[in-house]
Amino acid sequence: MKKTIAVVVLLLAAGVVVLLLKRPAGSRKAAEAPGAPARGSLSLSGAWALYPLAIRWQEEFQKSHPGTVVDVQAGGAGKGIADALAGVVDIGMVSREINPAEVEKGAVALAVAKDAVVATVSAKNPLLADLLRRGLKKEDLAALWMRVPIKSWEALLDRDGRTAVHVFTRSDACGAAETWAAYLGGHQEDLTGVGVYGDPGLAEAVRRDPLAIGFNNVNFAYDAKTLRPVAGLGICPIDLDGNGRIDPAESVYATRDDLVRAIAAHVYPSPPARDLYFVIKGQPGRPRQPDRPLLADFLTWVLTEGQQYVAEMGYIAVSPDRVAAGLATVRGSAEKK
């Protein structure tokens, strides 16, 4: 008899567990105490350019929102916006402008920070001293990546010699390549060179090859601790006025902070300086989408409290009007104007 009662009790308990597990998510949330912090998970993927800052935001947001998990994956801006539009992630990280076709598919972009792309060379380049003194003109860079390839470093520096130039580009669809190509007058598909996946991969390929030239997002060209160029990399200066030398006003590459100030002051051109975006599909606060309120909370936090980490991480804050526009979008008011 005792065994029978015990079995009945176990079965009843199991039934209660099953019923609890089968309750809809909305019911579980409704049982939470009023005013409890939003709990759940968010996912981000995309631009390497935004990855270091997004990781910092992830850490700080999770600290202030217990029970929330934010997953951040890099993979290039193309992947980020594709993932967001397909509903694979909540937020796509995008380091280029959003095109009309993407907007038609529901892409909503919020500017969250600003940085730039820089040309990189190996610190072992045999002509590095000349390169740092003279820089390269915009037309030199365009010739390297988009026209008949220049065959020697000496040809770039008006010297005699046959030291080969090894041009590298990105193999993945990314904002860095699109932005660099835009500066040179084209699109990513117009860029020539040996394709390498990702910002870290391209930086490493250039670092290892004394004859290489490539391009990287600022936070992969500079060391986050020393604020100087990554060991083994050199930053190729751009001769902005085309006078054949890097003047003091153009010498903005010694440290990450120097370059960030030049970007903020519009000394370094845009492109290759550019805005960085979080892209979502549709408005974040619509009813009958239980996961979206957490998304709205996160986006609001990024545009307000989260901005205090932007400069610290080597980025430039977006302007107050861009922040206001982003907050209006999050609140769903942008489409009502």
C-alpha atoms as a PDB file:
ATOM      1  CA  MET A   1       0.000   0.000   0.000  1.00  0.00           C
ATOM      2  CA  LYS A   2       2.826   2.372   0.956  1.00  0.00           C
ATOM      3  CA  LYS A   3       4.521   1.624  -2.371  1.00  0.00           C
ATOM      4  CA  THR A   4       1.297   2.423  -4.233  1.00  0.00           C
ATOM      5  CA  ILE A   5       0.934   5.775  -2.441  1.00  0.00           C
ATOM      6  CA  ALA A   6       4.563   6.628  -3.158  1.00  0.00           C
ATOM      7  CA  VAL A   7       4.111   5.889  -6.871  1.00  0.00           C
ATOM      8  CA  VAL A   8       0.976   8.071  -7.007  1.00  0.00           C
ATOM      9  CA  VAL A   9       2.812  10.936  -5.308  1.00  0.00           C
ATOM     10  CA  LEU A  10       5.714  10.670  -7.766  1.00  0.00           C
ATOM     11  CA  LEU A  11       3.349  10.621 -10.719  1.00  0.00           C
ATOM     12  CA  LEU A  12       1.495  13.670  -9.446  1.00  0.00           C
ATOM     13  CA  ALA A  13       4.779  15.512  -8.900  1.00  0.00           C
ATOM     14  CA  ALA A  14       5.932  14.611 -12.395  1.00  0.00           C
ATOM     15  CA  GLY A  15       2.672  15.906 -13.798  1.00  0.00           C
ATOM     16  CA  VAL A  16       3.147  19.230 -12.049  1.00  0.00           C
ATOM     17  CA  VAL A  17       6.679  19.539 -13.503  1.00  0.00           C
ATOM     18  CA  VAL A  18       5.399  18.740 -17.005  1.00  0.00           C
ATOM     19  CA  LEU A  19       2.630  21.316 -16.690  1.00  0.00           C
ATOM     20  CA  LEU A  20       5.134  23.937 -15.513  1.00  0.00           C
ATOM     21  CA  LEU A  21       7.464  23.171 -18.417  1.00  0.00           C
ATOM     22  CA  LYS A  22       4.584  23.390 -20.888  1.00  0.00           C
ATOM     23  CA  ARG A  23       3.440  26.798 -19.666  1.00  0.00           C
ATOM     24  CA  PRO A  24       4.078  29.465 -22.329  1.00  0.00           C
ATOM     25  CA  ALA A  25       6.972  31.848 -21.843  1.00  0.00           C
ATOM     26  CA  GLY A  26       4.571  34.739 -21.414  1.00  0.00           C
ATOM     27  CA  SER A  27       2.968  32.985 -18.458  1.00  0.00           C
ATOM     28  CA  ARG A  28       6.325  32.475 -16.769  1.00  0.00           C
ATOM     29  CA  LYS A  29       7.173  36.142 -17.247  1.00  0.00           C
ATOM     30  CA  ALA A  30       3.813  37.194 -15.892  1.00  0.00           C
ATOM     31  CA  ALA A  31       4.628  35.342 -12.659  1.00  0.00           C
ATOM     32  CA  GLU A  32       7.724  37.495 -12.111  1.00  0.00           C
ATOM     33  CA  ALA A  33       7.581  40.275  -9.563  1.00  0.00           C
ATOM     34  CA  PRO A  34       6.569  43.686 -10.937  1.00  0.00           C
ATOM     35  CA  GLY A  35       9.603  45.757 -11.799  1.00  0.00           C
ATOM     36  CA  ALA A  36      11.934  42.746 -12.059  1.00  0.00           C
ATOM     37  CA  PRO A  37      14.817  43.230 -14.513  1.00  0.00           C
ATOM     38  CA  ALA A  38      14.269  41.861 -18.014  1.00  0.00           C
ATOM     39  CA  ARG A  39      15.610  38.339 -18.342  1.00  0.00           C
ATOM     40  CA  GLY A  40      16.310  36.329 -21.434  1.00  0.00           C
ATOM     41  CA  SER A  41      18.872  36.235 -24.191  1.00  0.00           C
ATOM     42  CA  LEU A  42      19.981  38.350 -27.118  1.00  0.00           C
ATOM     43  CA  SER A  43      22.243  37.450 -30.013  1.00  0.00           C
ATOM     44  CA  LEU A  44      24.486  39.637 -32.175  1.00  0.00           C
ATOM     45  CA  SER A  45      26.630  38.796 -35.181  1.00  0.00           C
ATOM     46  CA  GLY A  46      28.520  40.681 -37.845  1.00  0.00           C
ATOM     47  CA  ALA A  47      31.198  43.314 -38.287  1.00  0.00           C
ATOM     48  CA  TRP A  48      34.649  42.747 -36.842  1.00  0.00           C
ATOM     49  CA  ALA A  49      34.849  46.538 -36.530  1.00  0.00           C
ATOM     50  CA  LEU A  50      32.186  46.543 -33.822  1.00  0.00           C
ATOM     51  CA  TYR A  51      33.197  43.305 -32.133  1.00  0.00           C
ATOM     52  CA  PRO A  52      35.541  44.702 -29.407  1.00  0.00           C
ATOM     53  CA  LEU A  53      33.018  47.378 -28.400  1.00  0.00           C
ATOM     54  CA  ALA A  54      30.085  44.952 -28.532  1.00  0.00           C
ATOM     55  CA  ILE A  55      31.953  42.589 -26.207  1.00  0.00           C
ATOM     56  CA  ARG A  56      32.415  45.419 -23.693  1.00  0.00           C
ATOM     57  CA  TRP A  57      28.734  46.310 -23.973  1.00  0.00           C
ATOM     58  CA  GLN A  58      27.849  42.646 -23.501  1.00  0.00           C
ATOM     59  CA  GLU A  59      29.850  42.467 -20.262  1.00  0.00           C
ATOM     60  CA  GLU A  60      28.481  45.682 -18.776  1.00  0.00           C
ATOM     61  CA  PHE A  61      24.861  45.058 -19.767  1.00  0.00           C
ATOM     62  CA  GLN A  62      24.894  41.578 -18.261  1.00  0.00           C
ATOM     63  CA  LYS A  63      26.294  43.010 -15.027  1.00  0.00           C
ATOM     64  CA  SER A  64      23.455  45.508 -14.718  1.00  0.00           C
ATOM     65  CA  HIS A  65      20.773  43.083 -15.954  1.00  0.00           C
ATOM     66  CA  PRO A  66      21.142  39.860 -13.973  1.00  0.00           C
ATOM     67  CA  GLY A  67      19.759  36.806 -15.712  1.00  0.00           C
ATOM     68  CA  THR A  68      20.300  38.259 -19.183  1.00  0.00           C
ATOM     69  CA  VAL A  69      22.653  36.561 -21.627  1.00  0.00           C
ATOM     70  CA  VAL A  70      24.047  38.456 -24.626  1.00  0.00           C
ATOM     71  CA  ASP A  71      25.872  36.378 -27.230  1.00  0.00           C
ATOM     72  CA  VAL A  72      28.230  38.202 -29.616  1.00  0.00           C
ATOM     73  CA  GLN A  73      29.791  36.600 -32.693  1.00  0.00           C
ATOM     74  CA  ALA A  74      31.966  38.232 -35.370  1.00  0.00           C
ATOM     75  CA  GLY A  75      31.871  37.210 -39.004  1.00  0.00           C
ATOM     76  CA  GLY A  76      31.739  40.324 -41.182  1.00  0.00           C
ATOM     77  CA  ALA A  77      29.082  42.951 -41.855  1.00  0.00           C
ATOM     78  CA  GLY A  78      27.561  40.907 -44.680  1.00  0.00           C
ATOM     79  CA  LYS A  79      26.877  38.026 -42.340  1.00  0.00           C
ATOM     80  CA  GLY A  80      25.550  40.336 -39.663  1.00  0.00           C
ATOM     81  CA  ILE A  81      22.890  41.989 -41.786  1.00  0.00           C
ATOM     82  CA  ALA A  82      21.941  38.695 -43.456  1.00  0.00           C
ATOM     83  CA  ASP A  83      21.553  37.041 -40.042  1.00  0.00           C
ATOM     84  CA  ALA A  84      19.435  39.914 -38.728  1.00  0.00           C
ATOM     85  CA  LEU A  85      17.121  39.958 -41.748  1.00  0.00           C
ATOM     86  CA  ALA A  86      16.749  36.172 -41.628  1.00  0.00           C
ATOM     87  CA  GLY A  87      15.894  36.257 -37.922  1.00  0.00           C
ATOM     88  CA  VAL A  88      18.949  34.195 -37.023  1.00  0.00           C
ATOM     89  CA  VAL A  89      20.123  36.894 -34.587  1.00  0.00           C
ATOM     90  CA  ASP A  90      18.473  39.827 -32.860  1.00  0.00           C
ATOM     91  CA  ILE A  91      21.056  42.380 -33.982  1.00  0.00           C
ATOM     92  CA  GLY A  92      23.371  42.547 -36.975  1.00  0.00           C
ATOM     93  CA  MET A  93      26.588  44.520 -36.499  1.00  0.00           C
ATOM     94  CA  VAL A  94      27.249  46.459 -39.698  1.00  0.00           C
ATOM     95  CA  SER A  95      30.207  48.685 -40.537  1.00  0.00           C
ATOM     96  CA  ARG A  96      28.966  50.227 -43.776  1.00  0.00           C
ATOM     97  CA  GLU A  97      25.954  52.109 -45.038  1.00  0.00           C
ATOM     98  CA  ILE A  98      22.712  50.141 -45.399  1.00  0.00           C
ATOM     99  CA  ASN A  99      21.586  49.780 -49.000  1.00  0.00           C
ATOM    100  CA  PRO A 100      17.995  50.350 -50.215  1.00  0.00           C
ATOM    101  CA  ALA A 101      17.389  46.657 -50.939  1.00  0.00           C
ATOM    102  CA  GLU A 102      18.183  45.842 -47.309  1.00  0.00           C
ATOM    103  CA  VAL A 103      15.850  48.578 -46.082  1.00  0.00           C
ATOM    104  CA  GLU A 104      13.070  47.132 -48.248  1.00  0.00           C
ATOM    105  CA  LYS A 105      13.592  43.784 -46.502  1.00  0.00           C
ATOM    106  CA  GLY A 106      13.017  45.433 -43.136  1.00  0.00           C
ATOM    107  CA  ALA A 107      16.502  46.553 -42.069  1.00  0.00           C
ATOM    108  CA  VAL A 108      16.375  49.299 -39.443  1.00  0.00           C
ATOM    109  CA  ALA A 109      19.787  50.806 -38.677  1.00  0.00           C
ATOM    110  CA  LEU A 110      20.887  52.626 -35.530  1.00  0.00           C
ATOM    111  CA  ALA A 111      24.257  54.400 -35.526  1.00  0.00           C
ATOM    112  CA  VAL A 112      26.031  53.368 -32.302  1.00  0.00           C
ATOM    113  CA  ALA A 113      29.665  54.464 -32.789  1.00  0.00           C
ATOM    114  CA  LYS A 114      32.212  55.569 -35.370  1.00  0.00           C
ATOM    115  CA  ASP A 115      35.676  54.401 -36.413  1.00  0.00           C
ATOM    116  CA  ALA A 116      37.786  54.072 -39.559  1.00  0.00           C
ATOM    117  CA  VAL A 117      39.746  51.767 -41.839  1.00  0.00           C
ATOM    118  CA  VAL A 118      43.498  52.295 -42.252  1.00  0.00           C
ATOM    119  CA  ALA A 119      46.078  50.924 -44.675  1.00  0.00           C
ATOM    120  CA  THR A 120      48.537  48.543 -43.019  1.00  0.00           C
ATOM    121  CA  VAL A 121      51.998  47.281 -43.967  1.00  0.00           C
ATOM    122  CA  SER A 122      54.550  45.013 -42.352  1.00  0.00           C
ATOM    123  CA  ALA A 123      56.917  46.625 -39.863  1.00  0.00           C
ATOM    124  CA  LYS A 124      59.648  44.697 -41.726  1.00  0.00           C
ATOM    125  CA  ASN A 125      58.951  46.469 -45.024  1.00  0.00           C
ATOM    126  CA  PRO A 126      62.412  47.300 -46.465  1.00  0.00           C
ATOM    127  CA  LEU A 127      61.187  50.758 -47.530  1.00  0.00           C
ATOM    128  CA  LEU A 128      59.207  51.548 -44.395  1.00  0.00           C
ATOM    129  CA  ALA A 129      61.162  54.705 -43.504  1.00  0.00           C
ATOM    130  CA  ASP A 130      60.472  56.233 -46.928  1.00  0.00           C
ATOM    131  CA  LEU A 131      56.849  55.108 -46.784  1.00  0.00           C
ATOM    132  CA  LEU A 132      56.255  56.757 -43.414  1.00  0.00           C
ATOM    133  CA  ARG A 133      57.953  59.951 -44.595  1.00  0.00           C
ATOM    134  CA  ARG A 134      56.181  60.219 -47.956  1.00  0.00           C
ATOM    135  CA  GLY A 135      52.934  58.326 -47.442  1.00  0.00           C
ATOM    136  CA  LEU A 136      50.781  57.151 -50.337  1.00  0.00           C
ATOM    137  CA  LYS A 137      48.349  59.285 -52.283  1.00  0.00           C
ATOM    138  CA  LYS A 138      44.734  58.248 -52.779  1.00  0.00           C
ATOM    139  CA  GLU A 139      45.458  57.553 -56.463  1.00  0.00           C
ATOM    140  CA  ASP A 140      48.378  55.290 -55.462  1.00  0.00           C
ATOM    141  CA  LEU A 141      46.092  53.263 -53.239  1.00  0.00           C
ATOM    142  CA  ALA A 142      43.439  53.075 -55.957  1.00  0.00           C
ATOM    143  CA  ALA A 143      46.060  51.844 -58.421  1.00  0.00           C
ATOM    144  CA  LEU A 144      47.131  49.111 -56.006  1.00  0.00           C
ATOM    145  CA  TRP A 145      43.670  47.715 -55.342  1.00  0.00           C
ATOM    146  CA  MET A 146      41.486  48.721 -58.270  1.00  0.00           C
ATOM    147  CA  ARG A 147      43.505  49.341 -61.424  1.00  0.00           C
ATOM    148  CA  VAL A 148      46.534  47.822 -63.121  1.00  0.00           C
ATOM    149  CA  PRO A 149      48.500  46.640 -60.085  1.00  0.00           C
ATOM    150  CA  ILE A 150      51.681  48.541 -59.316  1.00  0.00           C
ATOM    151  CA  LYS A 151      54.485  46.000 -59.426  1.00  0.00           C
ATOM    152  CA  SER A 152      57.049  47.518 -57.081  1.00  0.00           C
ATOM    153  CA  TRP A 153      57.297  49.543 -53.901  1.00  0.00           C
ATOM    154  CA  GLU A 154      59.859  51.758 -55.604  1.00  0.00           C
ATOM    155  CA  ALA A 155      57.298  52.710 -58.260  1.00  0.00           C
ATOM    156  CA  LEU A 156      55.046  53.996 -55.472  1.00  0.00           C
ATOM    157  CA  LEU A 157      57.875  55.988 -53.914  1.00  0.00           C
ATOM    158  CA  ASP A 158      59.454  57.385 -57.099  1.00  0.00           C
ATOM    159  CA  ARG A 159      62.615  55.352 -56.684  1.00  0.00           C
ATOM    160  CA  ASP A 160      64.500  52.841 -58.754  1.00  0.00           C
ATOM    161  CA  GLY A 161      64.085  49.233 -57.811  1.00  0.00           C
ATOM    162  CA  ARG A 162      61.965  46.112 -58.194  1.00  0.00           C
ATOM    163  CA  THR A 163      60.787  45.251 -54.708  1.00  0.00           C
ATOM    164  CA  ALA A 164      57.457  43.518 -55.312  1.00  0.00           C
ATOM    165  CA  VAL A 165      54.216  44.714 -53.721  1.00  0.00           C
ATOM    166  CA  HIS A 166      51.932  42.007 -52.304  1.00  0.00           C
ATOM    167  CA  VAL A 167      48.373  43.321 -52.088  1.00  0.00           C
ATOM    168  CA  PHE A 168      45.917  41.756 -49.627  1.00  0.00           C
ATOM    169  CA  THR A 169      42.172  42.236 -49.257  1.00  0.00           C
ATOM    170  CA  ARG A 170      39.270  40.635 -47.386  1.00  0.00           C
ATOM    171  CA  SER A 171      37.667  37.432 -48.632  1.00  0.00           C
ATOM    172  CA  ASP A 172      34.468  37.861 -46.571  1.00  0.00           C
ATOM    173  CA  ALA A 173      31.691  40.356 -47.279  1.00  0.00           C
ATOM    174  CA  CYS A 174      32.564  43.110 -44.841  1.00  0.00           C
ATOM    175  CA  GLY A 175      32.196  46.774 -44.061  1.00  0.00           C
ATOM    176  CA  ALA A 176      35.946  47.370 -43.911  1.00  0.00           C
ATOM    177  CA  ALA A 177      36.427  46.310 -47.530  1.00  0.00           C
ATOM    178  CA  GLU A 178      33.302  48.146 -48.720  1.00  0.00           C
ATOM    179  CA  THR A 179      34.396  51.308 -46.902  1.00  0.00           C
ATOM    180  CA  TRP A 180      37.971  51.078 -48.181  1.00  0.00           C
ATOM    181  CA  ALA A 181      36.679  50.519 -51.712  1.00  0.00           C
ATOM    182  CA  ALA A 182      34.295  53.478 -51.359  1.00  0.00           C
ATOM    183  CA  TYR A 183      37.253  55.708 -50.509  1.00  0.00           C
ATOM    184  CA  LEU A 184      39.041  54.456 -53.624  1.00  0.00           C
ATOM    185  CA  GLY A 185      35.976  54.930 -55.827  1.00  0.00           C
ATOM    186  CA  GLY A 186      34.352  51.505 -56.041  1.00  0.00           C
ATOM    187  CA  HIS A 187      32.851  48.550 -54.179  1.00  0.00           C
ATOM    188  CA  GLN A 188      34.328  45.544 -52.406  1.00  0.00           C
ATOM    189  CA  GLU A 189      33.972  43.361 -55.500  1.00  0.00           C
ATOM    190  CA  ASP A 190      36.264  45.779 -57.360  1.00  0.00           C
ATOM    191  CA  LEU A 191      39.176  45.217 -54.969  1.00  0.00           C
ATOM    192  CA  THR A 192      42.031  43.032 -56.174  1.00  0.00           C
ATOM    193  CA  GLY A 193      44.559  41.192 -54.040  1.00  0.00           C
ATOM    194  CA  VAL A 194      44.904  37.991 -52.061  1.00  0.00           C
ATOM    195  CA  GLY A 195      41.701  37.454 -50.078  1.00  0.00           C
ATOM    196  CA  VAL A 196      41.980  36.742 -46.350  1.00  0.00           C
ATOM    197  CA  TYR A 197      39.089  36.083 -43.965  1.00  0.00           C
ATOM    198  CA  GLY A 198      38.425  38.493 -41.127  1.00  0.00           C
ATOM    199  CA  ASP A 199      40.219  41.420 -39.550  1.00  0.00           C
ATOM    200  CA  PRO A 200      42.576  39.293 -37.435  1.00  0.00           C
ATOM    201  CA  GLY A 201      43.463  37.124 -40.428  1.00  0.00           C
ATOM    202  CA  LEU A 202      44.257  40.076 -42.676  1.00  0.00           C
ATOM    203  CA  ALA A 203      46.347  41.802 -40.008  1.00  0.00           C
ATOM    204  CA  GLU A 204      48.326  38.609 -39.462  1.00  0.00           C
ATOM    205  CA  ALA A 205      48.883  38.051 -43.198  1.00  0.00           C
ATOM    206  CA  VAL A 206      50.283  41.568 -43.602  1.00  0.00           C
ATOM    207  CA  ARG A 207      52.370  41.333 -40.440  1.00  0.00           C
ATOM    208  CA  ARG A 208      54.076  38.162 -41.653  1.00  0.00           C
ATOM    209  CA  ASP A 209      54.868  39.394 -45.184  1.00  0.00           C
ATOM    210  CA  PRO A 210      57.499  42.191 -45.403  1.00  0.00           C
ATOM    211  CA  LEU A 211      56.237  43.155 -48.871  1.00  0.00           C
ATOM    212  CA  ALA A 212      52.521  43.221 -48.004  1.00  0.00           C
ATOM    213  CA  ILE A 213      49.950  46.001 -47.900  1.00  0.00           C
ATOM    214  CA  GLY A 214      46.414  45.570 -46.605  1.00  0.00           C
ATOM    215  CA  PHE A 215      43.785  47.405 -44.572  1.00  0.00           C
ATOM    216  CA  ASN A 216      42.237  46.976 -41.151  1.00  0.00           C
ATOM    217  CA  ASN A 217      39.696  48.471 -38.821  1.00  0.00           C
ATOM    218  CA  VAL A 218      41.328  50.744 -36.270  1.00  0.00           C
ATOM    219  CA  ASN A 219      40.928  48.360 -33.352  1.00  0.00           C
ATOM    220  CA  PHE A 220      42.684  45.541 -35.200  1.00  0.00           C
ATOM    221  CA  ALA A 221      45.519  47.761 -36.411  1.00  0.00           C
ATOM    222  CA  TYR A 222      46.305  49.140 -32.939  1.00  0.00           C
ATOM    223  CA  ASP A 223      47.055  47.282 -29.711  1.00  0.00           C
ATOM    224  CA  ALA A 224      44.335  47.871 -27.108  1.00  0.00           C
ATOM    225  CA  LYS A 225      46.884  48.016 -24.258  1.00  0.00           C
ATOM    226  CA  THR A 226      49.765  50.019 -25.707  1.00  0.00           C
ATOM    227  CA  LEU A 227      47.539  52.055 -28.082  1.00  0.00           C
ATOM    228  CA  ARG A 228      50.342  51.773 -30.632  1.00  0.00           C
ATOM    229  CA  PRO A 229      50.237  49.784 -33.868  1.00  0.00           C
ATOM    230  CA  VAL A 230      50.034  46.044 -33.320  1.00  0.00           C
ATOM    231  CA  ALA A 231      53.510  44.537 -32.990  1.00  0.00           C
ATOM    232  CA  GLY A 232      54.815  43.763 -36.465  1.00  0.00           C
ATOM    233  CA  LEU A 233      52.386  46.132 -38.220  1.00  0.00           C
ATOM    234  CA  GLY A 234      52.954  49.611 -39.570  1.00  0.00           C
ATOM    235  CA  ILE A 235      50.199  52.095 -40.442  1.00  0.00           C
ATOM    236  CA  CYS A 236      50.620  53.435 -43.963  1.00  0.00           C
ATOM    237  CA  PRO A 237      49.937  57.194 -43.855  1.00  0.00           C
ATOM    238  CA  ILE A 238      47.812  58.842 -46.529  1.00  0.00           C
ATOM    239  CA  ASP A 239      49.273  61.874 -48.257  1.00  0.00           C
ATOM    240  CA  LEU A 240      46.011  63.796 -48.141  1.00  0.00           C
ATOM    241  CA  ASP A 241      47.167  66.935 -49.956  1.00  0.00           C
ATOM    242  CA  GLY A 242      49.232  65.009 -52.531  1.00  0.00           C
ATOM    243  CA  ASN A 243      52.421  67.042 -52.026  1.00  0.00           C
ATOM    244  CA  GLY A 244      54.695  63.995 -51.763  1.00  0.00           C
ATOM    245  CA  ARG A 245      55.291  64.098 -48.023  1.00  0.00           C
ATOM    246  CA  ILE A 246      53.463  63.588 -44.738  1.00  0.00           C
ATOM    247  CA  ASP A 247      53.110  67.036 -43.192  1.00  0.00           C
ATOM    248  CA  PRO A 248      52.688  67.463 -39.414  1.00  0.00           C
ATOM    249  CA  ALA A 249      48.925  67.918 -39.813  1.00  0.00           C
ATOM    250  CA  GLU A 250      48.753  64.579 -41.646  1.00  0.00           C
ATOM    251  CA  SER A 251      50.910  62.734 -39.114  1.00  0.00           C
ATOM    252  CA  VAL A 252      48.065  61.255 -37.049  1.00  0.00           C
ATOM    253  CA  TYR A 253      48.989  57.561 -36.788  1.00  0.00           C
ATOM    254  CA  ALA A 254      51.459  57.259 -33.885  1.00  0.00           C
ATOM    255  CA  THR A 255      48.815  56.061 -31.429  1.00  0.00           C
ATOM    256  CA  ARG A 256      45.201  55.011 -31.567  1.00  0.00           C
ATOM    257  CA  ASP A 257      44.239  58.135 -29.622  1.00  0.00           C
ATOM    258  CA  ASP A 258      45.971  60.358 -32.182  1.00  0.00           C
ATOM    259  CA  LEU A 259      44.025  58.746 -34.996  1.00  0.00           C
ATOM    260  CA  VAL A 260      40.726  58.837 -33.093  1.00  0.00           C
ATOM    261  CA  ARG A 261      41.172  62.584 -32.551  1.00  0.00           C
ATOM    262  CA  ALA A 262      41.897  63.021 -36.261  1.00  0.00           C
ATOM    263  CA  ILE A 263      38.732  61.116 -37.162  1.00  0.00           C
ATOM    264  CA  ALA A 264      36.640  63.174 -34.728  1.00  0.00           C
ATOM    265  CA  ALA A 265      38.120  66.401 -36.135  1.00  0.00           C
ATOM    266  CA  HIS A 266      37.452  65.236 -39.721  1.00  0.00           C
ATOM    267  CA  VAL A 267      41.170  65.419 -40.524  1.00  0.00           C
ATOM    268  CA  TYR A 268      41.089  61.759 -41.477  1.00  0.00           C
ATOM    269  CA  PRO A 269      38.601  61.537 -44.369  1.00  0.00           C
ATOM    270  CA  SER A 270      35.207  59.832 -44.395  1.00  0.00           C
ATOM    271  CA  PRO A 271      35.333  57.311 -45.958  1.00  0.00           C
ATOM    272  CA  PRO A 272      37.476  55.541 -44.818  1.00  0.00           C
ATOM    273  CA  ALA A 273      36.131  56.868 -41.501  1.00  0.00           C
ATOM    274  CA  ARG A 274      32.516  55.704 -41.135  1.00  0.00           C
ATOM    275  CA  ASP A 275      29.558  55.147 -38.816  1.00  0.00           C
ATOM    276  CA  LEU A 276      28.976  51.733 -37.270  1.00  0.00           C
ATOM    277  CA  TYR A 277      25.457  50.365 -36.982  1.00  0.00           C
ATOM    278  CA  PHE A 278      23.281  47.947 -35.091  1.00  0.00           C
ATOM    279  CA  VAL A 279      20.695  46.612 -37.530  1.00  0.00           C
ATOM    280  CA  ILE A 280      17.419  45.041 -36.475  1.00  0.00           C
ATOM    281  CA  LYS A 281      14.495  43.780 -38.517  1.00  0.00           C
ATOM    282  CA  GLY A 282      11.465  45.954 -37.947  1.00  0.00           C
ATOM    283  CA  GLN A 283      10.690  47.956 -34.823  1.00  0.00           C
ATOM    284  CA  PRO A 284      11.895  46.542 -31.489  1.00  0.00           C
ATOM    285  CA  GLY A 285       8.843  47.351 -29.341  1.00  0.00           C
ATOM    286  CA  ARG A 286       5.956  45.775 -31.260  1.00  0.00           C
ATOM    287  CA  PRO A 287       3.328  43.864 -29.241  1.00  0.00           C
ATOM    288  CA  ARG A 288       2.914  40.092 -29.516  1.00  0.00           C
ATOM    289  CA  GLN A 289       6.699  39.690 -29.793  1.00  0.00           C
ATOM    290  CA  PRO A 290       7.702  38.678 -26.241  1.00  0.00           C
ATOM    291  CA  ASP A 291      11.463  38.729 -26.890  1.00  0.00           C
ATOM    292  CA  ARG A 292      11.483  42.290 -28.260  1.00  0.00           C
ATOM    293  CA  PRO A 293      11.154  44.308 -25.024  1.00  0.00           C
ATOM    294  CA  LEU A 294      14.557  43.016 -23.926  1.00  0.00           C
ATOM    295  CA  LEU A 295      15.949  44.036 -27.307  1.00  0.00           C
ATOM    296  CA  ALA A 296      14.521  47.536 -26.833  1.00  0.00           C
ATOM    297  CA  ASP A 297      16.054  47.700 -23.345  1.00  0.00           C
ATOM    298  CA  PHE A 298      19.472  46.714 -24.692  1.00  0.00           C
ATOM    299  CA  LEU A 299      19.392  49.177 -27.587  1.00  0.00           C
ATOM    300  CA  THR A 300      18.294  51.993 -25.277  1.00  0.00           C
ATOM    301  CA  TRP A 301      21.116  51.125 -22.869  1.00  0.00           C
ATOM    302  CA  VAL A 302      23.704  51.104 -25.697  1.00  0.00           C
ATOM    303  CA  LEU A 303      22.582  54.558 -26.862  1.00  0.00           C
ATOM    304  CA  THR A 304      22.616  56.011 -23.344  1.00  0.00           C
ATOM    305  CA  GLU A 305      24.666  54.375 -20.577  1.00  0.00           C
ATOM    306  CA  GLY A 306      26.669  52.308 -23.042  1.00  0.00           C
ATOM    307  CA  GLN A 307      28.108  55.376 -24.756  1.00  0.00           C
ATOM    308  CA  GLN A 308      30.474  55.927 -21.802  1.00  0.00           C
ATOM    309  CA  TYR A 309      32.561  52.970 -23.029  1.00  0.00           C
ATOM    310  CA  VAL A 310      32.902  54.141 -26.644  1.00  0.00           C
ATOM    311  CA  ALA A 311      35.963  56.392 -26.296  1.00  0.00           C
ATOM    312  CA  GLU A 312      37.586  54.048 -23.805  1.00  0.00           C
ATOM    313  CA  MET A 313      37.466  51.255 -26.399  1.00  0.00           C
ATOM    314  CA  GLY A 314      39.013  53.391 -29.147  1.00  0.00           C
ATOM    315  CA  TYR A 315      35.887  54.533 -30.989  1.00  0.00           C
ATOM    316  CA  ILE A 316      34.199  57.886 -31.522  1.00  0.00           C
ATOM    317  CA  ALA A 317      30.765  58.574 -30.074  1.00  0.00           C
ATOM    318  CA  VAL A 318      27.967  59.357 -32.486  1.00  0.00           C
ATOM    319  CA  SER A 319      26.508  62.840 -32.404  1.00  0.00           C
ATOM    320  CA  PRO A 320      23.634  63.706 -30.025  1.00  0.00           C
ATOM    321  CA  ASP A 321      21.197  63.982 -32.924  1.00  0.00           C
ATOM    322  CA  ARG A 322      22.145  60.470 -34.100  1.00  0.00           C
ATOM    323  CA  VAL A 323      21.591  59.181 -30.565  1.00  0.00           C
ATOM    324  CA  ALA A 324      18.213  60.924 -30.429  1.00  0.00           C
ATOM    325  CA  ALA A 325      17.221  59.440 -33.783  1.00  0.00           C
ATOM    326  CA  GLY A 326      18.220  55.993 -32.573  1.00  0.00           C
ATOM    327  CA  LEU A 327      16.209  56.330 -29.373  1.00  0.00           C
ATOM    328  CA  ALA A 328      13.188  57.505 -31.363  1.00  0.00           C
ATOM    329  CA  THR A 329      13.506  54.411 -33.565  1.00  0.00           C
ATOM    330  CA  VAL A 330      13.717  52.128 -30.540  1.00  0.00           C
ATOM    331  CA  ARG A 331      10.599  53.712 -29.089  1.00  0.00           C
ATOM    332  CA  GLY A 332       8.789  53.153 -32.337  1.00  0.00           C
ATOM    333  CA  SER A 333       8.228  56.852 -33.015  1.00  0.00           C
ATOM    334  CA  ALA A 334      10.390  57.206 -36.109  1.00  0.00           C
ATOM    335  CA  GLU A 335       7.812  55.692 -38.465  1.00  0.00           C
ATOM    336  CA  LYS A 336       5.009  57.806 -37.011  1.00  0.00           C
ATOM    337  CA  LYS A 337       6.553  61.140 -38.003  1.00  0.00           C
END
